[in-house]
Amino acid sequence: MDDLQQPRPGEGTTRSGLLERISPREVAIALAAAAIIWFAVDNTQSVTIDWWVTDRSSPLILVIIVSFALGAAVALLGSRRRRKRKERAAKG
């Protein structure tokens, strides 16, 4: 019998009820994910990376992701270092 219970007011599956439950943050995350997936699918061609000693061929999206991750890691380490320097200056 529990399966046949009527939904409470505001809990229906109507379109307006669904739109009321989706936050702007969730919409932004969904749009960003769609853009990233579209970008990845669009950049599947292979590129050659010229190292000093050898060459290597890799998918372009992999090169972009690795470059982004390395840049984010450097930025994160730099911001932590700057924060610690400010904290030391404030203490002493």
PDB file of N, CA and C in Angstrom:
ATOM      1  N   MET A   1       0.810  -1.196   0.000  1.00  0.00           N
ATOM      2  CA  MET A   1       0.000   0.000   0.000  1.00  0.00           C
ATOM      3  C   MET A   1       0.854   1.260   0.000  1.00  0.00           C
ATOM      4  N   ASP A   2       2.074   1.200   0.538  1.00  0.00           N
ATOM      5  CA  ASP A   2       2.911   2.391   0.605  1.00  0.00           C
ATOM      6  C   ASP A   2       3.252   2.925  -0.770  1.00  0.00           C
ATOM      7  N   ASP A   3       3.336   2.054  -1.765  1.00  0.00           N
ATOM      8  CA  ASP A   3       3.674   2.484  -3.110  1.00  0.00           C
ATOM      9  C   ASP A   3       2.577   3.324  -3.750  1.00  0.00           C
ATOM     10  N   LEU A   4       1.344   3.201  -3.254  1.00  0.00           N
ATOM     11  CA  LEU A   4       0.214   3.899  -3.861  1.00  0.00           C
ATOM     12  C   LEU A   4      -0.129   5.206  -3.166  1.00  0.00           C
ATOM     13  N   GLN A   5       0.680   5.628  -2.222  1.00  0.00           N
ATOM     14  CA  GLN A   5       0.387   6.870  -1.510  1.00  0.00           C
ATOM     15  C   GLN A   5       0.534   8.053  -2.453  1.00  0.00           C
ATOM     16  N   GLN A   6      -0.303   9.033  -2.239  1.00  0.00           N
ATOM     17  CA  GLN A   6      -0.246  10.253  -3.034  1.00  0.00           C
ATOM     18  C   GLN A   6       0.923  11.118  -2.556  1.00  0.00           C
ATOM     19  N   PRO A   7       1.588  11.811  -3.472  1.00  0.00           N
ATOM     20  CA  PRO A   7       2.673  12.692  -3.036  1.00  0.00           C
ATOM     21  C   PRO A   7       2.128  13.847  -2.210  1.00  0.00           C
ATOM     22  N   ARG A   8       2.938  14.293  -1.283  1.00  0.00           N
ATOM     23  CA  ARG A   8       2.558  15.438  -0.462  1.00  0.00           C
ATOM     24  C   ARG A   8       2.615  16.700  -1.315  1.00  0.00           C
ATOM     25  N   PRO A   9       1.951  17.743  -0.881  1.00  0.00           N
ATOM     26  CA  PRO A   9       2.028  18.997  -1.636  1.00  0.00           C
ATOM     27  C   PRO A   9       3.478  19.469  -1.755  1.00  0.00           C
ATOM     28  N   GLY A  10       3.875  19.824  -2.960  1.00  0.00           N
ATOM     29  CA  GLY A  10       5.232  20.284  -3.201  1.00  0.00           C
ATOM     30  C   GLY A  10       6.207  19.170  -3.522  1.00  0.00           C
ATOM     31  N   GLU A  11       5.775  17.906  -3.437  1.00  0.00           N
ATOM     32  CA  GLU A  11       6.653  16.775  -3.709  1.00  0.00           C
ATOM     33  C   GLU A  11       6.297  16.073  -5.008  1.00  0.00           C
ATOM     34  N   GLY A  12       5.448  16.640  -5.793  1.00  0.00           N
ATOM     35  CA  GLY A  12       5.023  16.006  -7.030  1.00  0.00           C
ATOM     36  C   GLY A  12       6.149  15.961  -8.050  1.00  0.00           C
ATOM     37  N   THR A  13       5.901  15.262  -9.117  1.00  0.00           N
ATOM     38  CA  THR A  13       6.904  15.145 -10.175  1.00  0.00           C
ATOM     39  C   THR A  13       6.583  16.080 -11.332  1.00  0.00           C
ATOM     40  N   THR A  14       5.867  17.128 -11.048  1.00  0.00           N
ATOM     41  CA  THR A  14       5.536  18.064 -12.111  1.00  0.00           C
ATOM     42  C   THR A  14       6.779  18.823 -12.536  1.00  0.00           C
ATOM     43  N   ARG A  15       6.711  19.379 -13.698  1.00  0.00           N
ATOM     44  CA  ARG A  15       7.852  20.110 -14.246  1.00  0.00           C
ATOM     45  C   ARG A  15       8.226  21.294 -13.353  1.00  0.00           C
ATOM     46  N   SER A  16       7.254  22.030 -12.865  1.00  0.00           N
ATOM     47  CA  SER A  16       7.566  23.180 -12.019  1.00  0.00           C
ATOM     48  C   SER A  16       8.203  22.734 -10.703  1.00  0.00           C
ATOM     49  N   GLY A  17       7.782  21.589 -10.168  1.00  0.00           N
ATOM     50  CA  GLY A  17       8.387  21.080  -8.949  1.00  0.00           C
ATOM     51  C   GLY A  17       9.844  20.721  -9.146  1.00  0.00           C
ATOM     52  N   LEU A  18      10.158  20.151 -10.299  1.00  0.00           N
ATOM     53  CA  LEU A  18      11.540  19.802 -10.605  1.00  0.00           C
ATOM     54  C   LEU A  18      12.391  21.058 -10.743  1.00  0.00           C
ATOM     55  N   LEU A  19      11.879  22.055 -11.418  1.00  0.00           N
ATOM     56  CA  LEU A  19      12.639  23.292 -11.605  1.00  0.00           C
ATOM     57  C   LEU A  19      12.866  24.024 -10.291  1.00  0.00           C
ATOM     58  N   GLU A  20      11.942  23.890  -9.361  1.00  0.00           N
ATOM     59  CA  GLU A  20      12.105  24.540  -8.072  1.00  0.00           C
ATOM     60  C   GLU A  20      13.188  23.873  -7.236  1.00  0.00           C
ATOM     61  N   ARG A  21      13.422  22.568  -7.467  1.00  0.00           N
ATOM     62  CA  ARG A  21      14.407  21.838  -6.679  1.00  0.00           C
ATOM     63  C   ARG A  21      15.820  21.960  -7.232  1.00  0.00           C
ATOM     64  N   ILE A  22      15.993  22.422  -8.468  1.00  0.00           N
ATOM     65  CA  ILE A  22      17.325  22.535  -9.061  1.00  0.00           C
ATOM     66  C   ILE A  22      17.893  23.906  -8.721  1.00  0.00           C
ATOM     67  N   SER A  23      19.056  23.905  -8.081  1.00  0.00           N
ATOM     68  CA  SER A  23      19.674  25.170  -7.684  1.00  0.00           C
ATOM     69  C   SER A  23      20.493  25.742  -8.841  1.00  0.00           C
ATOM     70  N   PRO A  24      20.735  27.032  -8.832  1.00  0.00           N
ATOM     71  CA  PRO A  24      21.584  27.634  -9.865  1.00  0.00           C
ATOM     72  C   PRO A  24      22.985  27.025  -9.899  1.00  0.00           C
ATOM     73  N   ARG A  25      23.474  26.613  -8.733  1.00  0.00           N
ATOM     74  CA  ARG A  25      24.802  25.979  -8.679  1.00  0.00           C
ATOM     75  C   ARG A  25      24.803  24.661  -9.452  1.00  0.00           C
ATOM     76  N   GLU A  26      23.744  23.879  -9.292  1.00  0.00           N
ATOM     77  CA  GLU A  26      23.643  22.611 -10.013  1.00  0.00           C
ATOM     78  C   GLU A  26      23.554  22.835 -11.517  1.00  0.00           C
ATOM     79  N   VAL A  27      22.844  23.868 -11.929  1.00  0.00           N
ATOM     80  CA  VAL A  27      22.758  24.206 -13.353  1.00  0.00           C
ATOM     81  C   VAL A  27      24.136  24.592 -13.881  1.00  0.00           C
ATOM     82  N   ALA A  28      24.869  25.393 -13.121  1.00  0.00           N
ATOM     83  CA  ALA A  28      26.207  25.808 -13.540  1.00  0.00           C
ATOM     84  C   ALA A  28      27.147  24.609 -13.639  1.00  0.00           C
ATOM     85  N   ILE A  29      27.057  23.687 -12.687  1.00  0.00           N
ATOM     86  CA  ILE A  29      27.899  22.487 -12.722  1.00  0.00           C
ATOM     87  C   ILE A  29      27.560  21.636 -13.940  1.00  0.00           C
ATOM     88  N   ALA A  30      26.272  21.470 -14.216  1.00  0.00           N
ATOM     89  CA  ALA A  30      25.853  20.679 -15.372  1.00  0.00           C
ATOM     90  C   ALA A  30      26.329  21.317 -16.681  1.00  0.00           C
ATOM     91  N   LEU A  31      26.228  22.636 -16.788  1.00  0.00           N
ATOM     92  CA  LEU A  31      26.694  23.331 -17.994  1.00  0.00           C
ATOM     93  C   LEU A  31      28.205  23.221 -18.149  1.00  0.00           C
ATOM     94  N   ALA A  32      28.932  23.355 -17.054  1.00  0.00           N
ATOM     95  CA  ALA A  32      30.393  23.230 -17.112  1.00  0.00           C
ATOM     96  C   ALA A  32      30.792  21.815 -17.512  1.00  0.00           C
ATOM     97  N   ALA A  33      30.113  20.812 -16.967  1.00  0.00           N
ATOM     98  CA  ALA A  33      30.416  19.421 -17.318  1.00  0.00           C
ATOM     99  C   ALA A  33      30.128  19.163 -18.795  1.00  0.00           C
ATOM    100  N   ALA A  34      29.017  19.694 -19.286  1.00  0.00           N
ATOM    101  CA  ALA A  34      28.680  19.525 -20.704  1.00  0.00           C
ATOM    102  C   ALA A  34      29.721  20.192 -21.593  1.00  0.00           C
ATOM    103  N   ALA A  35      30.183  21.385 -21.201  1.00  0.00           N
ATOM    104  CA  ALA A  35      31.198  22.083 -21.987  1.00  0.00           C
ATOM    105  C   ALA A  35      32.517  21.320 -21.989  1.00  0.00           C
ATOM    106  N   ILE A  36      32.896  20.756 -20.851  1.00  0.00           N
ATOM    107  CA  ILE A  36      34.147  19.990 -20.762  1.00  0.00           C
ATOM    108  C   ILE A  36      34.063  18.723 -21.619  1.00  0.00           C
ATOM    109  N   ILE A  37      32.924  18.044 -21.551  1.00  0.00           N
ATOM    110  CA  ILE A  37      32.755  16.832 -22.365  1.00  0.00           C
ATOM    111  C   ILE A  37      32.787  17.181 -23.847  1.00  0.00           C
ATOM    112  N   TRP A  38      32.110  18.251 -24.225  1.00  0.00           N
ATOM    113  CA  TRP A  38      32.099  18.678 -25.622  1.00  0.00           C
ATOM    114  C   TRP A  38      33.523  19.025 -26.069  1.00  0.00           C
ATOM    115  N   PHE A  39      34.244  19.735 -25.241  1.00  0.00           N
ATOM    116  CA  PHE A  39      35.624  20.112 -25.540  1.00  0.00           C
ATOM    117  C   PHE A  39      36.500  18.873 -25.701  1.00  0.00           C
ATOM    118  N   ALA A  40      36.319  17.882 -24.833  1.00  0.00           N
ATOM    119  CA  ALA A  40      37.114  16.653 -24.902  1.00  0.00           C
ATOM    120  C   ALA A  40      36.815  15.872 -26.178  1.00  0.00           C
ATOM    121  N   VAL A  41      35.550  15.760 -26.526  1.00  0.00           N
ATOM    122  CA  VAL A  41      35.176  15.022 -27.736  1.00  0.00           C
ATOM    123  C   VAL A  41      35.681  15.739 -28.983  1.00  0.00           C
ATOM    124  N   ASP A  42      35.690  17.055 -28.943  1.00  0.00           N
ATOM    125  CA  ASP A  42      36.129  17.845 -30.097  1.00  0.00           C
ATOM    126  C   ASP A  42      37.648  17.818 -30.270  1.00  0.00           C
ATOM    127  N   ASN A  43      38.403  17.489 -29.231  1.00  0.00           N
ATOM    128  CA  ASN A  43      39.865  17.519 -29.289  1.00  0.00           C
ATOM    129  C   ASN A  43      40.472  16.124 -29.126  1.00  0.00           C
ATOM    130  N   THR A  44      40.043  15.195 -29.966  1.00  0.00           N
ATOM    131  CA  THR A  44      40.541  13.827 -29.871  1.00  0.00           C
ATOM    132  C   THR A  44      41.710  13.552 -30.808  1.00  0.00           C
ATOM    133  N   GLN A  45      42.043  14.503 -31.677  1.00  0.00           N
ATOM    134  CA  GLN A  45      43.138  14.246 -32.609  1.00  0.00           C
ATOM    135  C   GLN A  45      44.458  14.079 -31.862  1.00  0.00           C
ATOM    136  N   SER A  46      45.390  13.415 -32.510  1.00  0.00           N
ATOM    137  CA  SER A  46      46.675  13.122 -31.894  1.00  0.00           C
ATOM    138  C   SER A  46      47.670  14.243 -32.207  1.00  0.00           C
ATOM    139  N   VAL A  47      48.466  14.602 -31.213  1.00  0.00           N
ATOM    140  CA  VAL A  47      49.502  15.623 -31.393  1.00  0.00           C
ATOM    141  C   VAL A  47      50.846  15.031 -30.991  1.00  0.00           C
ATOM    142  N   THR A  48      51.903  15.567 -31.571  1.00  0.00           N
ATOM    143  CA  THR A  48      53.246  15.107 -31.249  1.00  0.00           C
ATOM    144  C   THR A  48      53.871  16.069 -30.260  1.00  0.00           C
ATOM    145  N   ILE A  49      54.374  15.530 -29.166  1.00  0.00           N
ATOM    146  CA  ILE A  49      55.059  16.326 -28.150  1.00  0.00           C
ATOM    147  C   ILE A  49      56.551  16.105 -28.349  1.00  0.00           C
ATOM    148  N   ASP A  50      57.271  17.184 -28.545  1.00  0.00           N
ATOM    149  CA  ASP A  50      58.709  17.097 -28.809  1.00  0.00           C
ATOM    150  C   ASP A  50      59.463  17.298 -27.502  1.00  0.00           C
ATOM    151  N   TRP A  51      59.961  16.192 -26.932  1.00  0.00           N
ATOM    152  CA  TRP A  51      60.814  16.260 -25.765  1.00  0.00           C
ATOM    153  C   TRP A  51      62.228  16.517 -26.262  1.00  0.00           C
ATOM    154  N   TRP A  52      63.145  16.782 -25.404  1.00  0.00           N
ATOM    155  CA  TRP A  52      64.505  17.092 -25.837  1.00  0.00           C
ATOM    156  C   TRP A  52      65.161  15.906 -26.533  1.00  0.00           C
ATOM    157  N   VAL A  53      64.879  14.722 -26.056  1.00  0.00           N
ATOM    158  CA  VAL A  53      65.555  13.536 -26.573  1.00  0.00           C
ATOM    159  C   VAL A  53      64.679  12.757 -27.544  1.00  0.00           C
ATOM    160  N   THR A  54      63.378  12.750 -27.326  1.00  0.00           N
ATOM    161  CA  THR A  54      62.487  11.916 -28.126  1.00  0.00           C
ATOM    162  C   THR A  54      61.183  12.644 -28.416  1.00  0.00           C
ATOM    163  N   ASP A  55      60.408  12.091 -29.323  1.00  0.00           N
ATOM    164  CA  ASP A  55      59.072  12.604 -29.631  1.00  0.00           C
ATOM    165  C   ASP A  55      58.041  11.583 -29.168  1.00  0.00           C
ATOM    166  N   ARG A  56      56.859  12.091 -28.802  1.00  0.00           N
ATOM    167  CA  ARG A  56      55.795  11.188 -28.375  1.00  0.00           C
ATOM    168  C   ARG A  56      54.471  11.724 -28.890  1.00  0.00           C
ATOM    169  N   SER A  57      53.619  10.837 -29.328  1.00  0.00           N
ATOM    170  CA  SER A  57      52.302  11.201 -29.830  1.00  0.00           C
ATOM    171  C   SER A  57      51.253  10.886 -28.764  1.00  0.00           C
ATOM    172  N   SER A  58      50.362  11.850 -28.490  1.00  0.00           N
ATOM    173  CA  SER A  58      49.318  11.687 -27.483  1.00  0.00           C
ATOM    174  C   SER A  58      48.048  12.392 -27.941  1.00  0.00           C
ATOM    175  N   PRO A  59      46.897  11.990 -27.426  1.00  0.00           N
ATOM    176  CA  PRO A  59      45.662  12.719 -27.741  1.00  0.00           C
ATOM    177  C   PRO A  59      45.734  14.144 -27.192  1.00  0.00           C
ATOM    178  N   LEU A  60      45.231  15.091 -27.955  1.00  0.00           N
ATOM    179  CA  LEU A  60      45.293  16.499 -27.560  1.00  0.00           C
ATOM    180  C   LEU A  60      44.613  16.755 -26.228  1.00  0.00           C
ATOM    181  N   ILE A  61      43.476  16.118 -25.981  1.00  0.00           N
ATOM    182  CA  ILE A  61      42.768  16.363 -24.725  1.00  0.00           C
ATOM    183  C   ILE A  61      43.600  15.921 -23.532  1.00  0.00           C
ATOM    184  N   LEU A  62      44.366  14.839 -23.689  1.00  0.00           N
ATOM    185  CA  LEU A  62      45.244  14.390 -22.600  1.00  0.00           C
ATOM    186  C   LEU A  62      46.326  15.429 -22.323  1.00  0.00           C
ATOM    187  N   VAL A  63      46.886  15.996 -23.372  1.00  0.00           N
ATOM    188  CA  VAL A  63      47.908  17.043 -23.211  1.00  0.00           C
ATOM    189  C   VAL A  63      47.313  18.256 -22.505  1.00  0.00           C
ATOM    190  N   ILE A  64      46.094  18.631 -22.872  1.00  0.00           N
ATOM    191  CA  ILE A  64      45.435  19.786 -22.253  1.00  0.00           C
ATOM    192  C   ILE A  64      45.156  19.510 -20.775  1.00  0.00           C
ATOM    193  N   ILE A  65      44.656  18.327 -20.455  1.00  0.00           N
ATOM    194  CA  ILE A  65      44.326  17.990 -19.061  1.00  0.00           C
ATOM    195  C   ILE A  65      45.583  17.953 -18.198  1.00  0.00           C
ATOM    196  N   VAL A  66      46.646  17.337 -18.698  1.00  0.00           N
ATOM    197  CA  VAL A  66      47.894  17.269 -17.932  1.00  0.00           C
ATOM    198  C   VAL A  66      48.466  18.673 -17.727  1.00  0.00           C
ATOM    199  N   SER A  67      48.418  19.505 -18.759  1.00  0.00           N
ATOM    200  CA  SER A  67      48.911  20.882 -18.630  1.00  0.00           C
ATOM    201  C   SER A  67      48.103  21.661 -17.604  1.00  0.00           C
ATOM    202  N   PHE A  68      46.777  21.499 -17.637  1.00  0.00           N
ATOM    203  CA  PHE A  68      45.921  22.173 -16.658  1.00  0.00           C
ATOM    204  C   PHE A  68      46.237  21.704 -15.244  1.00  0.00           C
ATOM    205  N   ALA A  69      46.383  20.390 -15.062  1.00  0.00           N
ATOM    206  CA  ALA A  69      46.655  19.844 -13.727  1.00  0.00           C
ATOM    207  C   ALA A  69      47.991  20.350 -13.195  1.00  0.00           C
ATOM    208  N   LEU A  70      49.013  20.376 -14.046  1.00  0.00           N
ATOM    209  CA  LEU A  70      50.322  20.887 -13.603  1.00  0.00           C
ATOM    210  C   LEU A  70      50.244  22.374 -13.248  1.00  0.00           C
ATOM    211  N   GLY A  71      49.538  23.140 -14.048  1.00  0.00           N
ATOM    212  CA  GLY A  71      49.373  24.571 -13.750  1.00  0.00           C
ATOM    213  C   GLY A  71      48.612  24.801 -12.455  1.00  0.00           C
ATOM    214  N   ALA A  72      47.555  24.005 -12.229  1.00  0.00           N
ATOM    215  CA  ALA A  72      46.783  24.135 -10.992  1.00  0.00           C
ATOM    216  C   ALA A  72      47.619  23.753  -9.781  1.00  0.00           C
ATOM    217  N   ALA A  73      48.452  22.722  -9.922  1.00  0.00           N
ATOM    218  CA  ALA A  73      49.312  22.301  -8.805  1.00  0.00           C
ATOM    219  C   ALA A  73      50.330  23.387  -8.462  1.00  0.00           C
ATOM    220  N   VAL A  74      50.926  23.992  -9.475  1.00  0.00           N
ATOM    221  CA  VAL A  74      51.896  25.074  -9.234  1.00  0.00           C
ATOM    222  C   VAL A  74      51.203  26.259  -8.566  1.00  0.00           C
ATOM    223  N   ALA A  75      50.010  26.618  -9.034  1.00  0.00           N
ATOM    224  CA  ALA A  75      49.273  27.734  -8.438  1.00  0.00           C
ATOM    225  C   ALA A  75      48.895  27.438  -6.987  1.00  0.00           C
ATOM    226  N   LEU A  76      48.468  26.210  -6.707  1.00  0.00           N
ATOM    227  CA  LEU A  76      48.104  25.825  -5.347  1.00  0.00           C
ATOM    228  C   LEU A  76      49.308  25.882  -4.412  1.00  0.00           C
ATOM    229  N   LEU A  77      50.426  25.343  -4.867  1.00  0.00           N
ATOM    230  CA  LEU A  77      51.631  25.394  -4.042  1.00  0.00           C
ATOM    231  C   LEU A  77      52.088  26.825  -3.806  1.00  0.00           C
ATOM    232  N   GLY A  78      52.001  27.660  -4.823  1.00  0.00           N
ATOM    233  CA  GLY A  78      52.379  29.065  -4.668  1.00  0.00           C
ATOM    234  C   GLY A  78      51.488  29.801  -3.692  1.00  0.00           C
ATOM    235  N   SER A  79      50.176  29.533  -3.740  1.00  0.00           N
ATOM    236  CA  SER A  79      49.265  30.225  -2.824  1.00  0.00           C
ATOM    237  C   SER A  79      49.477  29.761  -1.384  1.00  0.00           C
ATOM    238  N   ARG A  80      49.765  28.493  -1.186  1.00  0.00           N
ATOM    239  CA  ARG A  80      50.041  27.997   0.173  1.00  0.00           C
ATOM    240  C   ARG A  80      51.313  28.630   0.728  1.00  0.00           C
ATOM    241  N   ARG A  81      52.314  28.715  -0.111  1.00  0.00           N
ATOM    242  CA  ARG A  81      53.588  29.297   0.321  1.00  0.00           C
ATOM    243  C   ARG A  81      53.408  30.768   0.694  1.00  0.00           C
ATOM    244  N   ARG A  82      52.642  31.494  -0.127  1.00  0.00           N
ATOM    245  CA  ARG A  82      52.385  32.916   0.145  1.00  0.00           C
ATOM    246  C   ARG A  82      51.601  33.082   1.432  1.00  0.00           C
ATOM    247  N   ARG A  83      50.609  32.205   1.668  1.00  0.00           N
ATOM    248  CA  ARG A  83      49.801  32.282   2.896  1.00  0.00           C
ATOM    249  C   ARG A  83      50.658  32.026   4.125  1.00  0.00           C
ATOM    250  N   LYS A  84      51.531  31.030   4.052  1.00  0.00           N
ATOM    251  CA  LYS A  84      52.402  30.737   5.197  1.00  0.00           C
ATOM    252  C   LYS A  84      53.345  31.899   5.465  1.00  0.00           C
ATOM    253  N   ARG A  85      53.835  32.543   4.419  1.00  0.00           N
ATOM    254  CA  ARG A  85      54.727  33.688   4.607  1.00  0.00           C
ATOM    255  C   ARG A  85      53.991  34.833   5.282  1.00  0.00           C
ATOM    256  N   LYS A  86      52.723  35.065   4.904  1.00  0.00           N
ATOM    257  CA  LYS A  86      51.936  36.113   5.541  1.00  0.00           C
ATOM    258  C   LYS A  86      51.669  35.789   7.014  1.00  0.00           C
ATOM    259  N   GLU A  87      51.391  34.514   7.308  1.00  0.00           N
ATOM    260  CA  GLU A  87      51.135  34.117   8.694  1.00  0.00           C
ATOM    261  C   GLU A  87      52.372  34.310   9.555  1.00  0.00           C
ATOM    262  N   ARG A  88      53.544  33.963   9.014  1.00  0.00           N
ATOM    263  CA  ARG A  88      54.784  34.171   9.773  1.00  0.00           C
ATOM    264  C   ARG A  88      55.053  35.652  10.011  1.00  0.00           C
ATOM    265  N   ALA A  89      54.778  36.482   9.022  1.00  0.00           N
ATOM    266  CA  ALA A  89      54.998  37.911   9.159  1.00  0.00           C
ATOM    267  C   ALA A  89      54.036  38.508  10.201  1.00  0.00           C
ATOM    268  N   ALA A  90      52.826  37.984  10.257  1.00  0.00           N
ATOM    269  CA  ALA A  90      51.838  38.491  11.216  1.00  0.00           C
ATOM    270  C   ALA A  90      52.196  38.084  12.655  1.00  0.00           C
ATOM    271  N   LYS A  91      52.812  36.920  12.832  1.00  0.00           N
ATOM    272  CA  LYS A  91      53.183  36.457  14.167  1.00  0.00           C
ATOM    273  C   LYS A  91      54.434  37.153  14.701  1.00  0.00           C
ATOM    274  N   GLY A  92      55.346  37.421  13.815  1.00  0.00           N
ATOM    275  CA  GLY A  92      56.614  37.874  14.361  1.00  0.00           C
ATOM    276  C   GLY A  92      57.046  39.159  13.843  1.00  0.00           C
TER     277      GLY A  92
END
